[in-house]
N, C-alpha and C. Protein backbone atom coordinates (compact mmCIF):
# COMPACT_ATOMS: atom_id res chain seq x y z
N MET A 1 97.22 94.43 114.92
CA MET A 1 98.61 94.45 115.40
C MET A 1 99.53 93.69 114.44
N TRP A 2 99.06 92.48 113.98
CA TRP A 2 99.88 91.68 113.08
C TRP A 2 100.11 92.40 111.76
N ALA A 3 99.09 93.10 111.26
CA ALA A 3 99.24 93.84 110.00
C ALA A 3 100.31 94.92 110.13
N SER A 4 100.34 95.62 111.26
CA SER A 4 101.35 96.66 111.49
C SER A 4 102.75 96.07 111.58
N VAL A 5 102.88 94.97 112.32
CA VAL A 5 104.19 94.33 112.48
C VAL A 5 104.72 93.85 111.14
N ARG A 6 103.86 93.17 110.39
CA ARG A 6 104.29 92.65 109.08
C ARG A 6 104.70 93.78 108.14
N THR A 7 103.87 94.82 108.05
CA THR A 7 104.16 95.94 107.17
C THR A 7 105.45 96.65 107.58
N ASN A 8 105.63 96.85 108.88
CA ASN A 8 106.82 97.56 109.36
C ASN A 8 108.09 96.77 109.12
N VAL A 9 108.07 95.48 109.43
CA VAL A 9 109.28 94.66 109.27
C VAL A 9 109.72 94.62 107.82
N ILE A 10 108.78 94.37 106.91
CA ILE A 10 109.13 94.29 105.48
C ILE A 10 109.59 95.64 104.96
N SER A 11 108.88 96.71 105.35
CA SER A 11 109.24 98.05 104.88
C SER A 11 110.63 98.45 105.35
N ILE A 12 110.90 98.22 106.62
CA ILE A 12 112.20 98.61 107.19
C ILE A 12 113.33 97.81 106.56
N PHE A 13 113.07 96.53 106.29
CA PHE A 13 114.10 95.70 105.65
C PHE A 13 114.48 96.26 104.28
N PHE A 14 113.48 96.58 103.47
CA PHE A 14 113.76 97.08 102.12
C PHE A 14 114.33 98.51 102.15
N ILE A 15 113.88 99.33 103.09
CA ILE A 15 114.44 100.68 103.20
C ILE A 15 115.92 100.62 103.53
N ALA A 16 116.27 99.79 104.52
CA ALA A 16 117.68 99.66 104.91
C ALA A 16 118.51 99.05 103.78
N LEU A 17 117.98 98.02 103.13
CA LEU A 17 118.72 97.35 102.05
C LEU A 17 118.93 98.28 100.86
N PHE A 18 117.87 98.86 100.35
CA PHE A 18 117.98 99.75 99.19
C PHE A 18 118.76 101.02 99.52
N GLY A 19 118.53 101.55 100.73
CA GLY A 19 119.27 102.74 101.14
C GLY A 19 120.76 102.48 101.21
N PHE A 20 121.14 101.30 101.71
CA PHE A 20 122.56 100.93 101.79
C PHE A 20 123.17 100.78 100.41
N ILE A 21 122.48 100.08 99.50
CA ILE A 21 123.02 99.85 98.16
C ILE A 21 123.14 101.17 97.38
N VAL A 22 122.07 101.97 97.40
CA VAL A 22 122.10 103.24 96.68
C VAL A 22 123.12 104.19 97.30
N GLY A 23 123.19 104.21 98.62
CA GLY A 23 124.17 105.06 99.29
C GLY A 23 125.60 104.68 98.93
N TYR A 24 125.83 103.37 98.82
CA TYR A 24 127.18 102.92 98.44
C TYR A 24 127.51 103.34 97.02
N ILE A 25 126.56 103.14 96.11
CA ILE A 25 126.79 103.50 94.71
C ILE A 25 127.07 105.00 94.56
N LEU A 26 126.29 105.83 95.25
CA LEU A 26 126.46 107.27 95.15
C LEU A 26 127.75 107.76 95.79
N SER A 27 128.23 107.05 96.80
CA SER A 27 129.44 107.49 97.49
C SER A 27 130.73 106.95 96.87
N ARG A 28 130.64 105.82 96.16
CA ARG A 28 131.85 105.18 95.65
C ARG A 28 131.99 105.22 94.12
N ILE A 29 130.87 105.10 93.42
CA ILE A 29 130.94 105.01 91.96
C ILE A 29 130.65 106.38 91.35
N LYS A 30 131.61 106.90 90.61
CA LYS A 30 131.46 108.21 89.98
C LYS A 30 130.93 108.03 88.56
N PHE A 31 129.80 108.60 88.28
CA PHE A 31 129.21 108.53 86.95
C PHE A 31 128.47 109.83 86.68
N LYS A 32 128.15 110.04 85.42
CA LYS A 32 127.46 111.27 85.04
C LYS A 32 126.06 111.29 85.67
N GLY A 33 125.78 112.37 86.35
CA GLY A 33 124.49 112.48 87.02
C GLY A 33 124.49 111.98 88.45
N ASN A 34 125.68 111.64 88.96
CA ASN A 34 125.78 111.12 90.34
C ASN A 34 125.23 112.12 91.35
N ARG A 35 125.72 113.34 91.30
CA ARG A 35 125.28 114.36 92.25
C ARG A 35 123.83 114.76 92.02
N LEU A 36 123.40 114.74 90.76
CA LEU A 36 122.00 115.08 90.46
C LEU A 36 121.07 114.05 91.08
N LEU A 37 121.44 112.78 90.97
CA LEU A 37 120.63 111.72 91.57
C LEU A 37 120.59 111.85 93.08
N TYR A 38 121.75 112.21 93.66
CA TYR A 38 121.82 112.39 95.11
C TYR A 38 120.92 113.54 95.56
N VAL A 39 120.96 114.64 94.82
CA VAL A 39 120.13 115.80 95.14
C VAL A 39 118.65 115.45 95.01
N MET A 40 118.31 114.63 94.03
CA MET A 40 116.92 114.22 93.85
C MET A 40 116.42 113.42 95.06
N PHE A 41 117.28 112.58 95.60
CA PHE A 41 116.91 111.84 96.81
C PHE A 41 116.73 112.79 97.99
N LEU A 42 117.62 113.78 98.09
CA LEU A 42 117.49 114.75 99.17
C LEU A 42 116.21 115.57 99.03
N MET A 43 115.84 115.88 97.81
CA MET A 43 114.61 116.63 97.58
C MET A 43 113.39 115.85 98.04
N GLY A 44 113.52 114.53 98.05
CA GLY A 44 112.42 113.70 98.51
C GLY A 44 112.06 113.95 99.96
N MET A 45 113.03 114.43 100.75
CA MET A 45 112.76 114.73 102.16
C MET A 45 111.95 116.01 102.32
N LEU A 46 111.89 116.82 101.26
CA LEU A 46 111.19 118.10 101.33
C LEU A 46 109.76 118.02 100.82
N ILE A 47 109.39 116.88 100.24
CA ILE A 47 108.04 116.74 99.67
C ILE A 47 107.06 116.38 100.78
N PRO A 48 106.03 117.19 101.02
CA PRO A 48 105.01 116.85 102.03
C PRO A 48 104.23 115.61 101.62
N VAL A 49 104.10 114.70 102.54
CA VAL A 49 103.39 113.45 102.26
C VAL A 49 101.95 113.72 101.84
N HIS A 50 101.30 114.65 102.52
CA HIS A 50 99.88 114.91 102.28
C HIS A 50 99.62 115.47 100.89
N SER A 51 100.62 116.08 100.28
CA SER A 51 100.42 116.62 98.94
C SER A 51 100.32 115.53 97.88
N LEU A 52 100.73 114.31 98.23
CA LEU A 52 100.71 113.21 97.26
C LEU A 52 99.63 112.17 97.56
N LEU A 53 98.83 112.40 98.56
CA LEU A 53 97.82 111.41 98.94
C LEU A 53 96.82 111.15 97.81
N VAL A 54 96.32 112.22 97.21
CA VAL A 54 95.31 112.06 96.15
C VAL A 54 95.90 111.36 94.92
N PRO A 55 97.05 111.81 94.38
CA PRO A 55 97.63 111.09 93.22
C PRO A 55 97.92 109.62 93.52
N ILE A 56 98.46 109.34 94.71
CA ILE A 56 98.77 107.95 95.06
C ILE A 56 97.49 107.13 95.19
N TYR A 57 96.46 107.72 95.76
CA TYR A 57 95.17 107.02 95.90
C TYR A 57 94.60 106.67 94.52
N VAL A 58 94.67 107.60 93.58
CA VAL A 58 94.15 107.37 92.22
C VAL A 58 94.94 106.28 91.52
N VAL A 59 96.27 106.36 91.60
CA VAL A 59 97.12 105.37 90.93
C VAL A 59 96.92 103.98 91.52
N PHE A 60 96.86 103.88 92.84
CA PHE A 60 96.70 102.59 93.48
C PHE A 60 95.34 101.96 93.16
N ASN A 61 94.31 102.78 93.08
CA ASN A 61 92.98 102.25 92.76
C ASN A 61 92.91 101.76 91.31
N LYS A 62 93.51 102.52 90.40
CA LYS A 62 93.45 102.15 88.98
C LYS A 62 94.31 100.93 88.67
N THR A 63 95.37 100.73 89.42
CA THR A 63 96.27 99.60 89.17
C THR A 63 95.96 98.38 90.03
N GLY A 64 95.00 98.50 90.93
CA GLY A 64 94.64 97.38 91.78
C GLY A 64 95.59 97.14 92.93
N LEU A 65 96.43 98.11 93.23
CA LEU A 65 97.40 97.96 94.33
C LEU A 65 96.81 98.34 95.68
N GLY A 66 95.63 98.97 95.67
CA GLY A 66 95.03 99.41 96.92
C GLY A 66 94.39 98.27 97.69
N ASN A 67 94.34 98.44 99.01
CA ASN A 67 93.66 97.50 99.90
C ASN A 67 94.22 96.07 99.79
N GLN A 68 95.54 95.96 99.69
CA GLN A 68 96.22 94.67 99.67
C GLN A 68 97.16 94.61 100.88
N TRP A 69 97.64 93.41 101.21
CA TRP A 69 98.51 93.30 102.38
C TRP A 69 99.84 94.03 102.18
N PHE A 70 100.24 94.22 100.90
CA PHE A 70 101.51 94.89 100.59
C PHE A 70 101.32 96.35 100.21
N THR A 71 100.09 96.85 100.26
CA THR A 71 99.80 98.21 99.78
C THR A 71 100.66 99.27 100.47
N LEU A 72 100.72 99.24 101.78
CA LEU A 72 101.43 100.29 102.52
C LEU A 72 102.95 100.17 102.41
N ILE A 73 103.44 99.00 102.06
CA ILE A 73 104.88 98.82 101.96
C ILE A 73 105.47 99.71 100.88
N ILE A 74 104.74 99.87 99.78
CA ILE A 74 105.24 100.65 98.64
C ILE A 74 105.49 102.12 99.02
N PRO A 75 104.50 102.85 99.55
CA PRO A 75 104.77 104.24 99.92
C PRO A 75 105.73 104.37 101.10
N TYR A 76 105.70 103.41 102.03
CA TYR A 76 106.60 103.48 103.17
C TYR A 76 108.06 103.40 102.70
N VAL A 77 108.34 102.47 101.78
CA VAL A 77 109.70 102.33 101.27
C VAL A 77 110.09 103.56 100.45
N ALA A 78 109.17 104.03 99.62
CA ALA A 78 109.46 105.19 98.76
C ALA A 78 109.78 106.43 99.59
N PHE A 79 109.00 106.69 100.63
CA PHE A 79 109.23 107.90 101.43
C PHE A 79 110.31 107.70 102.48
N GLY A 80 110.70 106.47 102.73
CA GLY A 80 111.78 106.22 103.67
C GLY A 80 113.15 106.23 103.03
N MET A 81 113.19 106.10 101.71
CA MET A 81 114.47 106.04 101.00
C MET A 81 115.32 107.30 101.10
N PRO A 82 114.75 108.52 100.98
CA PRO A 82 115.61 109.72 101.01
C PRO A 82 116.49 109.82 102.25
N ILE A 83 115.91 109.68 103.44
CA ILE A 83 116.71 109.79 104.65
C ILE A 83 117.69 108.62 104.77
N ALA A 84 117.27 107.44 104.30
CA ALA A 84 118.15 106.27 104.35
C ALA A 84 119.36 106.47 103.45
N VAL A 85 119.14 106.97 102.24
CA VAL A 85 120.24 107.21 101.30
C VAL A 85 121.16 108.31 101.83
N PHE A 86 120.58 109.35 102.40
CA PHE A 86 121.38 110.44 102.95
C PHE A 86 122.32 109.96 104.05
N LEU A 87 121.79 109.18 104.97
CA LEU A 87 122.61 108.69 106.09
C LEU A 87 123.63 107.66 105.62
N ALA A 88 123.20 106.73 104.76
CA ALA A 88 124.11 105.68 104.30
C ALA A 88 125.24 106.26 103.44
N GLU A 89 124.91 107.19 102.56
CA GLU A 89 125.93 107.79 101.69
C GLU A 89 127.00 108.51 102.51
N GLY A 90 126.57 109.27 103.51
CA GLY A 90 127.52 109.99 104.35
C GLY A 90 128.40 109.08 105.17
N PHE A 91 127.80 107.99 105.67
CA PHE A 91 128.58 107.06 106.50
C PHE A 91 129.58 106.27 105.66
N ILE A 92 129.11 105.75 104.52
CA ILE A 92 129.98 104.93 103.67
C ILE A 92 131.11 105.77 103.08
N LYS A 93 130.85 107.04 102.83
CA LYS A 93 131.88 107.91 102.27
C LYS A 93 133.06 108.06 103.23
N ALA A 94 132.80 107.88 104.53
CA ALA A 94 133.86 108.01 105.53
C ALA A 94 134.63 106.70 105.74
N ILE A 95 134.15 105.60 105.14
CA ILE A 95 134.85 104.32 105.26
C ILE A 95 136.06 104.33 104.32
N PRO A 96 137.24 103.96 104.81
CA PRO A 96 138.45 103.98 103.96
C PRO A 96 138.29 103.11 102.71
N VAL A 97 138.67 103.67 101.57
CA VAL A 97 138.59 102.94 100.30
C VAL A 97 139.57 101.77 100.28
N GLU A 98 140.59 101.84 101.13
CA GLU A 98 141.61 100.80 101.15
C GLU A 98 141.01 99.43 101.47
N LEU A 99 139.91 99.40 102.21
CA LEU A 99 139.26 98.12 102.52
C LEU A 99 138.80 97.43 101.24
N GLU A 100 138.21 98.18 100.34
CA GLU A 100 137.73 97.61 99.08
C GLU A 100 138.88 97.29 98.15
N GLU A 101 139.91 98.12 98.17
CA GLU A 101 141.08 97.86 97.31
C GLU A 101 141.78 96.58 97.74
N ALA A 102 141.90 96.36 99.04
CA ALA A 102 142.52 95.13 99.54
C ALA A 102 141.68 93.92 99.17
N ALA A 103 140.36 94.07 99.24
CA ALA A 103 139.47 92.97 98.87
C ALA A 103 139.57 92.66 97.39
N ALA A 104 139.70 93.71 96.57
CA ALA A 104 139.81 93.51 95.13
C ALA A 104 141.11 92.79 94.78
N ILE A 105 142.18 93.11 95.48
CA ILE A 105 143.47 92.44 95.26
C ILE A 105 143.36 90.96 95.58
N ASP A 106 142.57 90.64 96.61
CA ASP A 106 142.38 89.24 97.01
C ASP A 106 141.39 88.51 96.12
N GLY A 107 140.84 89.22 95.13
CA GLY A 107 139.94 88.57 94.18
C GLY A 107 138.48 88.60 94.58
N SER A 108 138.12 89.47 95.51
CA SER A 108 136.73 89.55 95.94
C SER A 108 135.88 90.24 94.87
N SER A 109 134.69 89.71 94.63
CA SER A 109 133.79 90.31 93.65
C SER A 109 133.11 91.54 94.25
N PHE A 110 132.44 92.30 93.38
CA PHE A 110 131.75 93.51 93.85
C PHE A 110 130.69 93.17 94.88
N THR A 111 129.90 92.14 94.60
CA THR A 111 128.82 91.75 95.51
C THR A 111 129.36 91.28 96.85
N ARG A 112 130.41 90.48 96.82
CA ARG A 112 130.98 89.98 98.07
C ARG A 112 131.59 91.11 98.88
N THR A 113 132.27 92.03 98.20
CA THR A 113 132.84 93.18 98.90
C THR A 113 131.75 94.02 99.55
N LEU A 114 130.66 94.21 98.81
CA LEU A 114 129.58 95.06 99.30
C LEU A 114 128.92 94.47 100.54
N PHE A 115 128.62 93.17 100.49
CA PHE A 115 127.84 92.57 101.57
C PHE A 115 128.68 91.88 102.65
N SER A 116 129.92 91.53 102.34
CA SER A 116 130.76 90.84 103.33
C SER A 116 131.74 91.77 104.03
N ILE A 117 132.05 92.91 103.40
CA ILE A 117 133.04 93.82 103.99
C ILE A 117 132.40 95.15 104.39
N ILE A 118 131.72 95.80 103.44
CA ILE A 118 131.16 97.12 103.72
C ILE A 118 129.93 97.03 104.61
N LEU A 119 129.09 96.04 104.38
CA LEU A 119 127.85 95.91 105.17
C LEU A 119 128.11 95.78 106.67
N PRO A 120 129.03 94.90 107.10
CA PRO A 120 129.30 94.83 108.55
C PRO A 120 129.83 96.13 109.13
N VAL A 121 130.65 96.84 108.35
CA VAL A 121 131.20 98.11 108.83
C VAL A 121 130.10 99.15 108.95
N ALA A 122 129.13 99.10 108.03
CA ALA A 122 128.05 100.07 108.02
C ALA A 122 126.88 99.67 108.93
N LYS A 123 127.06 98.66 109.73
CA LYS A 123 125.98 98.19 110.60
C LYS A 123 125.42 99.28 111.52
N PRO A 124 126.26 100.15 112.11
CA PRO A 124 125.71 101.20 113.00
C PRO A 124 124.71 102.11 112.30
N ILE A 125 125.00 102.51 111.07
CA ILE A 125 124.10 103.43 110.38
C ILE A 125 122.85 102.70 109.92
N LEU A 126 122.98 101.42 109.61
CA LEU A 126 121.80 100.64 109.21
C LEU A 126 120.86 100.44 110.39
N VAL A 127 121.43 100.25 111.57
CA VAL A 127 120.60 100.14 112.78
C VAL A 127 119.89 101.45 113.04
N THR A 128 120.59 102.56 112.85
CA THR A 128 119.98 103.88 113.02
C THR A 128 118.84 104.09 112.04
N ILE A 129 119.06 103.73 110.79
CA ILE A 129 118.01 103.85 109.78
C ILE A 129 116.80 103.00 110.15
N ALA A 130 117.05 101.79 110.61
CA ALA A 130 115.96 100.89 110.99
C ALA A 130 115.14 101.46 112.14
N ILE A 131 115.82 102.02 113.12
CA ILE A 131 115.12 102.57 114.29
C ILE A 131 114.29 103.79 113.90
N ILE A 132 114.87 104.69 113.12
CA ILE A 132 114.15 105.89 112.68
C ILE A 132 112.91 105.51 111.88
N GLN A 133 113.07 104.56 110.97
CA GLN A 133 111.95 104.16 110.13
C GLN A 133 110.91 103.36 110.91
N THR A 134 111.33 102.71 111.98
CA THR A 134 110.36 102.02 112.84
C THR A 134 109.39 103.02 113.44
N PHE A 135 109.92 104.14 113.95
CA PHE A 135 109.04 105.18 114.49
C PHE A 135 108.12 105.73 113.41
N SER A 136 108.68 105.99 112.24
CA SER A 136 107.90 106.60 111.17
C SER A 136 106.79 105.68 110.66
N CYS A 137 107.14 104.43 110.38
CA CYS A 137 106.16 103.49 109.82
C CYS A 137 105.12 103.07 110.86
N TRP A 138 105.54 102.88 112.09
CA TRP A 138 104.62 102.42 113.13
C TRP A 138 103.53 103.45 113.41
N ASN A 139 103.90 104.73 113.35
CA ASN A 139 102.95 105.80 113.68
C ASN A 139 102.24 106.39 112.46
N GLU A 140 102.56 105.92 111.26
CA GLU A 140 101.98 106.49 110.05
C GLU A 140 100.48 106.26 110.00
N PHE A 141 99.74 107.29 109.61
CA PHE A 141 98.28 107.22 109.63
C PHE A 141 97.64 107.56 108.28
N SER A 142 98.19 108.56 107.58
CA SER A 142 97.54 109.10 106.38
C SER A 142 97.39 108.06 105.27
N PHE A 143 98.48 107.37 104.92
CA PHE A 143 98.41 106.37 103.85
C PHE A 143 97.51 105.20 104.26
N ALA A 144 97.60 104.81 105.52
CA ALA A 144 96.75 103.70 105.99
C ALA A 144 95.27 104.07 105.89
N LEU A 145 94.95 105.30 106.20
CA LEU A 145 93.55 105.75 106.15
C LEU A 145 93.03 105.79 104.72
N VAL A 146 93.86 106.25 103.79
CA VAL A 146 93.41 106.44 102.41
C VAL A 146 93.45 105.15 101.60
N LEU A 147 94.46 104.31 101.82
CA LEU A 147 94.68 103.16 100.95
C LEU A 147 94.13 101.85 101.47
N ILE A 148 93.80 101.78 102.76
CA ILE A 148 93.35 100.52 103.34
C ILE A 148 91.88 100.61 103.75
N LYS A 149 91.08 99.65 103.31
CA LYS A 149 89.67 99.58 103.66
C LYS A 149 89.33 98.33 104.47
N ASP A 150 90.04 97.26 104.21
CA ASP A 150 89.78 96.00 104.91
C ASP A 150 90.21 96.11 106.37
N VAL A 151 89.31 95.74 107.27
CA VAL A 151 89.59 95.83 108.71
C VAL A 151 90.79 94.97 109.09
N LYS A 152 90.94 93.82 108.45
CA LYS A 152 92.03 92.90 108.78
C LYS A 152 93.40 93.47 108.39
N LEU A 153 93.41 94.43 107.49
CA LEU A 153 94.66 95.00 107.01
C LEU A 153 95.00 96.33 107.70
N GLN A 154 94.15 96.78 108.59
CA GLN A 154 94.36 98.07 109.24
C GLN A 154 95.57 98.03 110.17
N THR A 155 96.32 99.13 110.16
CA THR A 155 97.45 99.25 111.08
C THR A 155 96.95 99.70 112.45
N VAL A 156 97.84 99.70 113.42
CA VAL A 156 97.44 100.05 114.79
C VAL A 156 96.88 101.47 114.91
N PRO A 157 97.54 102.50 114.36
CA PRO A 157 96.96 103.85 114.47
C PRO A 157 95.57 103.96 113.85
N LEU A 158 95.36 103.27 112.73
CA LEU A 158 94.06 103.31 112.07
C LEU A 158 93.01 102.54 112.86
N ALA A 159 93.41 101.41 113.44
CA ALA A 159 92.47 100.61 114.22
C ALA A 159 91.99 101.34 115.48
N MET A 160 92.82 102.24 115.99
CA MET A 160 92.45 102.98 117.19
C MET A 160 91.26 103.90 116.96
N THR A 161 91.04 104.31 115.71
CA THR A 161 89.90 105.19 115.42
C THR A 161 88.57 104.46 115.56
N MET A 162 88.60 103.14 115.61
CA MET A 162 87.36 102.37 115.73
C MET A 162 86.74 102.52 117.12
N PHE A 163 87.52 102.97 118.08
CA PHE A 163 87.00 103.16 119.44
C PHE A 163 86.24 104.47 119.58
N LYS A 164 86.26 105.27 118.51
CA LYS A 164 85.58 106.56 118.55
C LYS A 164 84.41 106.56 117.58
N GLY A 165 83.20 106.85 118.09
CA GLY A 165 82.01 106.88 117.26
C GLY A 165 81.56 108.30 116.99
N GLN A 166 80.42 108.42 116.31
CA GLN A 166 79.91 109.74 115.96
C GLN A 166 79.39 110.49 117.18
N PHE A 167 78.79 109.75 118.11
CA PHE A 167 78.17 110.39 119.27
C PHE A 167 78.82 110.03 120.60
N ALA A 168 79.71 109.08 120.60
CA ALA A 168 80.36 108.67 121.85
C ALA A 168 81.74 108.09 121.56
N SER A 169 82.58 108.12 122.57
CA SER A 169 83.94 107.57 122.46
C SER A 169 84.22 106.71 123.67
N ASP A 170 84.84 105.59 123.44
CA ASP A 170 85.21 104.68 124.54
C ASP A 170 86.62 105.04 124.99
N TYR A 171 86.70 106.05 125.88
CA TYR A 171 88.01 106.57 126.28
C TYR A 171 88.88 105.56 127.03
N PRO A 172 88.33 104.73 127.90
CA PRO A 172 89.18 103.72 128.55
C PRO A 172 89.88 102.80 127.55
N LYS A 173 89.14 102.36 126.53
CA LYS A 173 89.75 101.49 125.52
C LYS A 173 90.75 102.27 124.66
N ILE A 174 90.44 103.53 124.39
CA ILE A 174 91.36 104.36 123.61
C ILE A 174 92.68 104.53 124.35
N MET A 175 92.59 104.82 125.66
CA MET A 175 93.81 105.01 126.46
C MET A 175 94.60 103.71 126.57
N SER A 176 93.88 102.60 126.73
CA SER A 176 94.56 101.30 126.81
C SER A 176 95.27 100.98 125.50
N ALA A 177 94.58 101.26 124.38
CA ALA A 177 95.17 101.00 123.08
C ALA A 177 96.38 101.90 122.84
N MET A 178 96.29 103.16 123.26
CA MET A 178 97.41 104.09 123.10
C MET A 178 98.62 103.62 123.88
N LEU A 179 98.39 103.17 125.11
CA LEU A 179 99.48 102.69 125.94
C LEU A 179 100.13 101.45 125.33
N THR A 180 99.29 100.55 124.81
CA THR A 180 99.79 99.32 124.21
C THR A 180 100.63 99.60 122.97
N THR A 181 100.18 100.55 122.16
CA THR A 181 100.90 100.85 120.92
C THR A 181 102.14 101.72 121.15
N MET A 182 102.11 102.55 122.18
CA MET A 182 103.24 103.43 122.45
C MET A 182 104.38 102.71 123.16
N ALA A 183 104.04 101.72 123.97
CA ALA A 183 105.05 101.05 124.80
C ALA A 183 106.23 100.50 124.01
N PRO A 184 106.01 99.71 122.94
CA PRO A 184 107.17 99.16 122.20
C PRO A 184 108.06 100.25 121.61
N VAL A 185 107.45 101.32 121.09
CA VAL A 185 108.23 102.39 120.46
C VAL A 185 109.01 103.17 121.50
N VAL A 186 108.40 103.46 122.63
CA VAL A 186 109.08 104.20 123.70
C VAL A 186 110.27 103.40 124.23
N VAL A 187 110.04 102.11 124.48
CA VAL A 187 111.13 101.24 124.97
C VAL A 187 112.26 101.19 123.95
N LEU A 188 111.89 101.07 122.67
CA LEU A 188 112.90 101.02 121.60
C LEU A 188 113.70 102.31 121.55
N TYR A 189 113.03 103.44 121.73
CA TYR A 189 113.72 104.73 121.66
C TYR A 189 114.74 104.87 122.80
N PHE A 190 114.30 104.60 124.03
CA PHE A 190 115.21 104.76 125.16
C PHE A 190 116.34 103.74 125.13
N ALA A 191 116.08 102.57 124.55
CA ALA A 191 117.12 101.54 124.47
C ALA A 191 118.19 101.90 123.45
N PHE A 192 117.79 102.61 122.38
CA PHE A 192 118.73 102.89 121.30
C PHE A 192 118.90 104.38 121.04
N SER A 193 118.57 105.23 122.01
CA SER A 193 118.66 106.68 121.80
C SER A 193 120.09 107.12 121.48
N LYS A 194 121.07 106.56 122.17
CA LYS A 194 122.47 106.91 121.90
C LYS A 194 122.87 106.47 120.50
N GLN A 195 122.37 105.30 120.09
CA GLN A 195 122.70 104.79 118.77
C GLN A 195 122.11 105.68 117.68
N ILE A 196 120.91 106.20 117.93
CA ILE A 196 120.25 107.08 116.97
C ILE A 196 121.07 108.36 116.78
N ILE A 197 121.46 108.98 117.90
CA ILE A 197 122.23 110.22 117.83
C ILE A 197 123.58 109.98 117.16
N LYS A 198 124.24 108.89 117.54
CA LYS A 198 125.55 108.56 116.96
C LYS A 198 125.44 108.34 115.46
N GLY A 199 124.43 107.61 115.05
CA GLY A 199 124.25 107.33 113.63
C GLY A 199 123.90 108.56 112.83
N MET A 200 123.08 109.43 113.40
CA MET A 200 122.69 110.66 112.69
C MET A 200 123.91 111.56 112.48
N VAL A 201 124.75 111.67 113.51
CA VAL A 201 125.94 112.50 113.40
C VAL A 201 126.92 111.89 112.41
N ALA A 202 127.09 110.56 112.48
CA ALA A 202 128.02 109.89 111.57
C ALA A 202 127.57 110.00 110.14
N GLY A 203 126.26 109.95 109.91
CA GLY A 203 125.75 110.03 108.54
C GLY A 203 125.76 111.43 107.99
N ALA A 204 125.75 112.43 108.87
CA ALA A 204 125.69 113.81 108.41
C ALA A 204 127.07 114.40 108.14
N VAL A 205 128.10 113.85 108.79
CA VAL A 205 129.46 114.37 108.63
C VAL A 205 130.14 113.67 107.48
N LYS A 206 130.58 114.42 106.51
CA LYS A 206 131.25 113.84 105.34
C LYS A 206 132.75 113.75 105.61
N GLY A 207 133.30 112.54 105.45
CA GLY A 207 134.71 112.35 105.70
C GLY A 207 135.56 112.61 104.48
């Protein structure tokens, strides 16, 4: 349980942070290749995760990144970035540029404007990104199965397979484990379902 919580919290933090920064850059700063970079991020949503399991497994084993406490954070952040950038870019694009112009007149630096002015305004979409990625990372199984061998580093979905043997399965423990792992996610979904829908619509509509 602790391994899942740690991996999810760190992954979601970096997904939201990097998604916000990249989304801001793509929506506000015009440079050569801006749209190409944006399209490349969108293409990331079309790549099947399972098609990259073998290459990622080989790379992680050769570089020593496999079976570490931070192993799953890398693919989680990488595959979470496309949707985060898509939502953040669309939301930030609808924020009036006058806010940044007024801050610049007052002598605010780029970093201060980004994190003190735009970040609070973009809080709804960041919460949406965090909730969506919580569901995705918490339930992820493929990368955990391929990249993690140490029992202490196993995530909750992977640990649940330990209740099933070759000739018998402990169904009461399986059901109890399923209920325990599903409860936080279900509660989170019903608590923030309106926020998820609002954020998805806000991120998809270009202002």
